[in-house]
Amino acid sequence: MYEEFGEIDKLTIVINKREVLLGINKTSFAMLKEIQDDLKPLYDLWQVSSKFNTTMPLWLEGNFNDLDG
């Protein structure tokens, strides 16, 4: 998901370069940046919960000394 944000950023740069070549006003994409900033905490939460989900058996049944808190 976060990789897609990077792709979107690259595409906005390409669009702005093409707009300059065509001699038209560049699009600011301010709303897109705002949306990405709003979604960043949700992405971080998803990463933490996904990592916990994959390591949960180790936390519940594994050796306590092997855990990386």
N, C-alpha and C. Protein backbone atom coordinates (compact mmCIF):
# COMPACT_ATOMS: atom_id res chain seq x y z
N MET A 1 0.82 -1.18 0.00
CA MET A 1 0.00 0.00 0.00
C MET A 1 0.87 1.25 0.00
N TYR A 2 1.86 1.29 0.89
CA TYR A 2 2.68 2.49 0.97
C TYR A 2 3.52 2.69 -0.29
N GLU A 3 3.87 1.57 -0.94
CA GLU A 3 4.62 1.66 -2.18
C GLU A 3 3.80 2.37 -3.25
N GLU A 4 2.48 2.17 -3.19
CA GLU A 4 1.59 2.85 -4.14
C GLU A 4 1.63 4.36 -3.95
N PHE A 5 1.79 4.81 -2.71
CA PHE A 5 1.92 6.25 -2.47
C PHE A 5 3.16 6.80 -3.17
N GLY A 6 4.25 6.04 -3.12
CA GLY A 6 5.47 6.45 -3.81
C GLY A 6 5.26 6.55 -5.30
N GLU A 7 4.54 5.58 -5.86
CA GLU A 7 4.23 5.60 -7.29
C GLU A 7 3.38 6.81 -7.64
N ILE A 8 2.43 7.13 -6.78
CA ILE A 8 1.57 8.29 -7.02
C ILE A 8 2.41 9.57 -7.01
N ASP A 9 3.35 9.67 -6.06
CA ASP A 9 4.22 10.84 -6.02
C ASP A 9 5.02 10.98 -7.32
N LYS A 10 5.54 9.86 -7.81
CA LYS A 10 6.30 9.88 -9.06
C LYS A 10 5.42 10.33 -10.22
N LEU A 11 4.20 9.83 -10.25
CA LEU A 11 3.28 10.21 -11.33
C LEU A 11 2.92 11.69 -11.29
N THR A 12 2.75 12.24 -10.09
CA THR A 12 2.44 13.67 -10.00
C THR A 12 3.61 14.51 -10.51
N ILE A 13 4.84 14.06 -10.27
CA ILE A 13 6.02 14.77 -10.78
C ILE A 13 6.03 14.73 -12.30
N VAL A 14 5.74 13.55 -12.86
CA VAL A 14 5.70 13.41 -14.32
C VAL A 14 4.62 14.32 -14.90
N ILE A 15 3.46 14.32 -14.28
CA ILE A 15 2.36 15.17 -14.76
C ILE A 15 2.78 16.64 -14.74
N ASN A 16 3.40 17.08 -13.64
CA ASN A 16 3.84 18.48 -13.55
C ASN A 16 4.88 18.81 -14.61
N LYS A 17 5.79 17.90 -14.89
CA LYS A 17 6.80 18.14 -15.94
C LYS A 17 6.14 18.27 -17.30
N ARG A 18 5.16 17.44 -17.57
CA ARG A 18 4.45 17.51 -18.85
C ARG A 18 3.65 18.78 -18.96
N GLU A 19 3.07 19.23 -17.86
CA GLU A 19 2.31 20.48 -17.88
C GLU A 19 3.23 21.65 -18.20
N VAL A 20 4.45 21.62 -17.65
CA VAL A 20 5.41 22.68 -17.95
C VAL A 20 5.77 22.65 -19.44
N LEU A 21 5.99 21.46 -19.98
CA LEU A 21 6.33 21.34 -21.40
C LEU A 21 5.19 21.83 -22.29
N LEU A 22 3.97 21.62 -21.86
CA LEU A 22 2.81 22.06 -22.64
C LEU A 22 2.50 23.54 -22.42
N GLY A 23 3.17 24.16 -21.46
CA GLY A 23 2.96 25.59 -21.21
C GLY A 23 1.68 25.89 -20.45
N ILE A 24 1.21 24.93 -19.68
CA ILE A 24 0.01 25.17 -18.87
C ILE A 24 0.39 25.21 -17.39
N ASN A 25 -0.51 25.72 -16.58
CA ASN A 25 -0.25 25.82 -15.15
C ASN A 25 -0.10 24.44 -14.52
N LYS A 26 0.87 24.34 -13.61
CA LYS A 26 1.09 23.07 -12.93
C LYS A 26 -0.01 22.82 -11.90
N THR A 27 -0.42 21.57 -11.80
CA THR A 27 -1.40 21.15 -10.81
C THR A 27 -0.69 20.99 -9.47
N SER A 28 -1.31 21.48 -8.40
CA SER A 28 -0.62 21.46 -7.09
C SER A 28 -0.76 20.14 -6.35
N PHE A 29 -1.81 19.39 -6.58
CA PHE A 29 -2.04 18.10 -5.90
C PHE A 29 -2.03 18.26 -4.37
N ALA A 30 -2.45 19.42 -3.88
CA ALA A 30 -2.44 19.67 -2.44
C ALA A 30 -3.37 18.71 -1.70
N MET A 31 -4.51 18.43 -2.27
CA MET A 31 -5.47 17.54 -1.63
C MET A 31 -4.91 16.11 -1.54
N LEU A 32 -4.19 15.70 -2.57
CA LEU A 32 -3.58 14.38 -2.57
C LEU A 32 -2.57 14.26 -1.42
N LYS A 33 -1.76 15.27 -1.23
CA LYS A 33 -0.78 15.27 -0.14
C LYS A 33 -1.50 15.21 1.21
N GLU A 34 -2.58 15.94 1.32
CA GLU A 34 -3.36 15.94 2.56
C GLU A 34 -3.93 14.55 2.84
N ILE A 35 -4.43 13.90 1.81
CA ILE A 35 -4.98 12.55 1.97
C ILE A 35 -3.87 11.58 2.38
N GLN A 36 -2.72 11.68 1.74
CA GLN A 36 -1.60 10.81 2.09
C GLN A 36 -1.17 11.02 3.54
N ASP A 37 -1.13 12.27 3.97
CA ASP A 37 -0.75 12.57 5.36
C ASP A 37 -1.77 12.00 6.34
N ASP A 38 -3.05 12.05 5.96
CA ASP A 38 -4.10 11.50 6.82
C ASP A 38 -4.01 9.97 6.91
N LEU A 39 -3.61 9.33 5.82
CA LEU A 39 -3.54 7.87 5.80
C LEU A 39 -2.27 7.30 6.41
N LYS A 40 -1.24 8.12 6.57
CA LYS A 40 0.05 7.63 7.09
C LYS A 40 -0.09 6.96 8.45
N PRO A 41 -0.78 7.53 9.44
CA PRO A 41 -0.93 6.84 10.72
C PRO A 41 -1.67 5.50 10.60
N LEU A 42 -2.64 5.44 9.69
CA LEU A 42 -3.36 4.18 9.49
C LEU A 42 -2.44 3.13 8.87
N TYR A 43 -1.58 3.55 7.96
CA TYR A 43 -0.61 2.63 7.39
C TYR A 43 0.34 2.10 8.46
N ASP A 44 0.82 2.99 9.31
CA ASP A 44 1.72 2.57 10.39
C ASP A 44 1.03 1.59 11.33
N LEU A 45 -0.22 1.86 11.67
CA LEU A 45 -0.98 0.95 12.52
C LEU A 45 -1.16 -0.41 11.84
N TRP A 46 -1.44 -0.39 10.55
CA TRP A 46 -1.59 -1.64 9.81
C TRP A 46 -0.29 -2.44 9.84
N GLN A 47 0.84 -1.77 9.67
CA GLN A 47 2.13 -2.46 9.70
C GLN A 47 2.37 -3.14 11.04
N VAL A 48 2.08 -2.43 12.13
CA VAL A 48 2.28 -2.98 13.47
C VAL A 48 1.34 -4.17 13.70
N SER A 49 0.08 -4.02 13.33
CA SER A 49 -0.87 -5.11 13.56
C SER A 49 -0.56 -6.31 12.67
N SER A 50 -0.10 -6.06 11.46
CA SER A 50 0.26 -7.15 10.56
C SER A 50 1.47 -7.91 11.10
N LYS A 51 2.46 -7.18 11.60
CA LYS A 51 3.64 -7.83 12.17
C LYS A 51 3.26 -8.64 13.41
N PHE A 52 2.39 -8.09 14.25
CA PHE A 52 1.94 -8.81 15.44
C PHE A 52 1.21 -10.09 15.04
N ASN A 53 0.36 -9.97 14.03
CA ASN A 53 -0.42 -11.13 13.59
C ASN A 53 0.49 -12.27 13.12
N THR A 54 1.56 -11.94 12.44
CA THR A 54 2.47 -12.98 11.95
C THR A 54 3.36 -13.53 13.06
N THR A 55 3.60 -12.75 14.11
CA THR A 55 4.48 -13.23 15.19
C THR A 55 3.70 -13.65 16.43
N MET A 56 2.38 -13.60 16.40
CA MET A 56 1.57 -13.92 17.57
C MET A 56 1.85 -15.33 18.11
N PRO A 57 1.97 -16.36 17.27
CA PRO A 57 2.27 -17.68 17.84
C PRO A 57 3.57 -17.70 18.64
N LEU A 58 4.56 -16.95 18.19
CA LEU A 58 5.81 -16.89 18.93
C LEU A 58 5.60 -16.21 20.28
N TRP A 59 4.79 -15.15 20.30
CA TRP A 59 4.52 -14.46 21.55
C TRP A 59 3.74 -15.34 22.53
N LEU A 60 2.83 -16.14 21.99
CA LEU A 60 1.97 -16.95 22.86
C LEU A 60 2.61 -18.26 23.28
N GLU A 61 3.39 -18.87 22.39
CA GLU A 61 3.88 -20.21 22.65
C GLU A 61 5.39 -20.33 22.61
N GLY A 62 6.08 -19.29 22.17
CA GLY A 62 7.53 -19.38 22.00
C GLY A 62 8.30 -19.14 23.28
N ASN A 63 9.60 -19.27 23.17
CA ASN A 63 10.52 -19.03 24.27
C ASN A 63 10.56 -17.52 24.57
N PHE A 64 10.33 -17.16 25.80
CA PHE A 64 10.27 -15.74 26.19
C PHE A 64 11.58 -15.02 25.88
N ASN A 65 12.70 -15.68 26.01
CA ASN A 65 14.00 -15.05 25.77
C ASN A 65 14.23 -14.74 24.29
N ASP A 66 13.47 -15.39 23.39
CA ASP A 66 13.63 -15.17 21.96
C ASP A 66 12.82 -14.00 21.44
N LEU A 67 11.97 -13.41 22.26
CA LEU A 67 11.09 -12.33 21.82
C LEU A 67 11.86 -11.02 21.66
N ASP A 68 11.49 -10.30 20.60
CA ASP A 68 12.04 -8.97 20.37
C ASP A 68 10.94 -7.96 20.60
N GLY A 69 10.91 -7.40 21.81
CA GLY A 69 9.85 -6.48 22.18
C GLY A 69 9.91 -5.20 21.44
